[in-house]
Protein backbone atom coordinates (compact mmCIF):
# COMPACT_ATOMS: atom_id res chain seq x y z
CA MET A 1 0.00 0.00 0.00
CA ILE A 2 1.32 3.46 -0.95
CA PRO A 3 1.56 5.94 1.96
CA GLU A 4 -0.86 8.87 1.75
CA LYS A 5 1.91 11.46 1.43
CA TYR A 6 3.92 9.43 -1.08
CA THR A 7 5.71 11.61 -3.61
CA PRO A 8 7.40 9.75 -6.45
CA THR A 9 11.09 10.47 -6.85
CA ALA A 10 11.82 12.32 -10.05
CA THR A 11 14.73 10.93 -12.02
CA PRO A 12 16.68 12.47 -14.91
CA LYS A 13 14.43 10.43 -17.23
CA TRP A 14 11.48 12.59 -16.12
CA LEU A 15 13.14 15.66 -17.64
CA GLY A 16 13.27 13.97 -21.04
CA PHE A 17 9.63 12.89 -20.81
CA ALA A 18 8.62 16.41 -19.72
CA LEU A 19 10.40 18.08 -22.65
CA GLN A 20 8.95 15.61 -25.16
CA SER A 21 5.47 16.00 -23.69
CA LEU A 22 5.65 19.78 -24.06
CA VAL A 23 6.75 19.46 -27.67
CA PHE A 24 3.91 17.04 -28.39
CA MET A 25 1.28 19.28 -26.77
CA SER A 26 2.55 22.33 -28.65
CA GLY A 27 1.95 20.62 -31.99
CA GLN A 28 -1.65 19.60 -31.33
CA GLN A 29 -4.59 21.34 -32.98
CA LYS A 30 -7.00 20.48 -30.20
CA GLU A 31 -7.14 22.47 -27.02
CA HIS A 32 -6.19 19.71 -24.54
CA CYS A 33 -4.46 16.33 -24.83
CA ALA A 34 -5.27 13.25 -22.78
CA SER A 35 -2.43 11.87 -20.67
CA ASN A 36 -2.62 8.46 -22.35
CA GLU A 37 -2.25 10.10 -25.77
CA ILE A 38 0.76 12.09 -24.57
CA ALA A 39 2.27 8.97 -22.97
CA GLU A 40 1.86 6.97 -26.16
CA ASN A 41 3.59 9.66 -28.22
CA VAL A 42 6.57 10.03 -25.87
CA CYS A 43 6.92 6.26 -25.31
CA SER A 44 6.07 6.39 -21.62
CA GLU A 45 3.44 4.91 -19.32
CA ALA A 46 0.30 6.97 -18.68
CA THR A 47 0.83 6.88 -14.90
CA LEU A 48 4.40 8.19 -15.17
CA THR A 49 3.29 10.80 -17.68
CA ARG A 50 0.60 12.05 -15.29
CA ARG A 51 3.19 12.30 -12.50
CA VAL A 52 5.51 14.32 -14.72
CA LEU A 53 2.67 16.52 -15.98
CA SER A 54 1.45 17.16 -12.43
CA ARG A 55 4.80 18.80 -11.66
CA LEU A 56 4.51 20.92 -14.80
CA VAL A 57 0.98 21.93 -13.77
CA LYS A 58 2.18 22.89 -10.30
CA ALA A 59 4.90 25.06 -11.88
CA GLY A 60 2.38 26.80 -14.17
CA ILE A 61 3.93 25.46 -17.38
CA VAL A 62 0.94 23.26 -18.21
CA GLU A 63 -2.74 23.56 -17.37
CA ALA A 64 -4.99 20.63 -16.61
CA ARG A 65 -8.70 20.42 -17.28
CA GLU A 66 -11.01 17.66 -16.08
CA GLY A 67 -14.02 16.29 -17.88
CA ARG A 68 -14.92 15.03 -21.31
CA ASP A 69 -12.96 17.72 -23.15
CA GLY A 70 -10.24 17.73 -20.50
CA GLY A 71 -6.60 16.93 -20.60
CA TYR A 72 -3.38 18.90 -20.60
CA ALA A 73 -2.27 21.96 -22.56
CA LEU A 74 0.60 24.43 -22.47
CA SER A 75 -0.18 27.45 -20.34
CA ARG A 76 2.58 29.48 -22.02
CA LYS A 77 3.99 29.79 -25.51
CA PRO A 78 6.83 27.36 -26.34
CA GLU A 79 9.28 30.26 -26.69
CA ASP A 80 8.44 31.29 -23.12
CA ILE A 81 9.27 27.90 -21.59
CA SER A 82 12.97 27.40 -20.99
CA PHE A 83 14.55 24.05 -20.32
CA ALA A 84 15.53 25.51 -16.93
CA ASP A 85 11.83 26.11 -16.15
CA VAL A 86 11.14 22.45 -16.86
CA TYR A 87 14.21 21.28 -14.94
CA ARG A 88 13.13 23.27 -11.88
CA ALA A 89 9.54 22.01 -12.18
CA ILE A 90 10.63 18.38 -12.24
CA GLN A 91 12.63 18.89 -9.01
CA MET A 92 14.85 15.87 -9.21
CA VAL A 93 15.59 14.98 -5.62
CA GLU A 94 18.49 12.75 -6.54
CA PRO A 95 20.62 14.42 -9.20
CA LEU A 96 23.14 12.52 -11.28
CA TYR A 97 26.03 13.39 -8.97
CA THR A 98 24.49 12.13 -5.71
CA GLY A 99 26.82 9.15 -5.79
CA LEU A 100 29.76 11.53 -5.52
CA LEU A 101 28.62 12.63 -2.07
CA ASP A 102 27.70 9.08 -1.04
CA THR A 103 31.32 8.01 -1.45
CA THR A 104 32.58 10.62 1.03
CA LYS A 105 30.76 9.55 4.19
CA ASP A 106 33.67 7.93 6.03
CA GLY A 107 37.43 8.09 6.08
CA PRO A 108 40.24 10.29 7.33
CA PHE A 109 39.50 13.19 4.96
CA ALA A 110 35.81 12.57 4.28
CA GLN A 111 34.70 15.94 5.70
CA GLU A 112 37.11 17.91 3.50
CA ALA A 113 36.25 15.89 0.38
CA ARG A 114 32.53 16.27 1.06
CA GLU A 115 32.88 20.06 1.45
CA MET A 116 34.84 20.34 -1.80
CA PHE A 117 32.45 18.04 -3.69
CA THR A 118 29.52 20.10 -2.39
CA GLU A 119 31.13 23.29 -3.73
CA ILE A 120 31.75 21.64 -7.10
CA ILE A 121 28.20 20.30 -7.24
CA ASN A 122 26.71 23.70 -6.40
CA GLU A 123 28.85 25.38 -9.07
CA SER A 124 27.89 22.71 -11.62
CA GLU A 125 24.20 23.17 -10.82
CA ARG A 126 24.45 26.96 -11.32
CA GLN A 127 26.20 26.46 -14.67
CA LEU A 128 23.68 23.84 -15.76
CA ILE A 129 20.80 26.22 -15.00
CA GLN A 130 22.54 28.98 -17.00
CA VAL A 131 22.83 26.70 -20.03
CA LEU A 132 19.26 25.43 -19.69
CA GLU A 133 17.99 29.04 -19.49
CA ARG A 134 19.31 29.63 -23.03
CA HIS A 135 17.16 26.90 -24.60
CA THR A 136 13.39 26.81 -25.01
CA ILE A 137 10.73 24.36 -26.11
CA ALA A 138 10.46 26.45 -29.30
CA ASP A 139 14.16 25.76 -29.97
CA LEU A 140 13.56 22.03 -29.61
CA ILE A 141 10.55 22.21 -31.93
CA LEU A 142 12.65 24.05 -34.51
CA LYS A 143 15.40 21.41 -34.25
CA ILE A 144 12.88 18.58 -34.68
CA ASN A 145 11.34 20.27 -37.73
CA GLN A 146 14.79 20.80 -39.30
CA GLU A 147 15.54 17.09 -38.97
CA LYS A 148 12.36 16.07 -40.84
């Protein structure tokens, strides 16, 4: 049984599904897309897609509507959604470099290594956000259309 306050852990894979979902929704003629339709088009499960989309809804990137004509839609233009916006919305609780800190728990210089690794991680995160800020969903759509 899943605890009442269970929050699924976002993984780096969620970022890819989120970006692909936004691209898919931006290309649809209809107002809202069903989660199972989005999931099918981004090669994901509907449950995982809904979890990812719920984070995008909470961040104001996507709107959700219930009912017969319900589903998900972008709440902003693709050029106004940066990859950094999506990255922040996903809120990965265990980034790729978590293992780096896990290896510095014990030992004669563990404290010093952990402090240095933490500084490096924080700097890397700031630089990653700066790079992600320069790219938008519209850029990804343009790239996809150029490849066709």
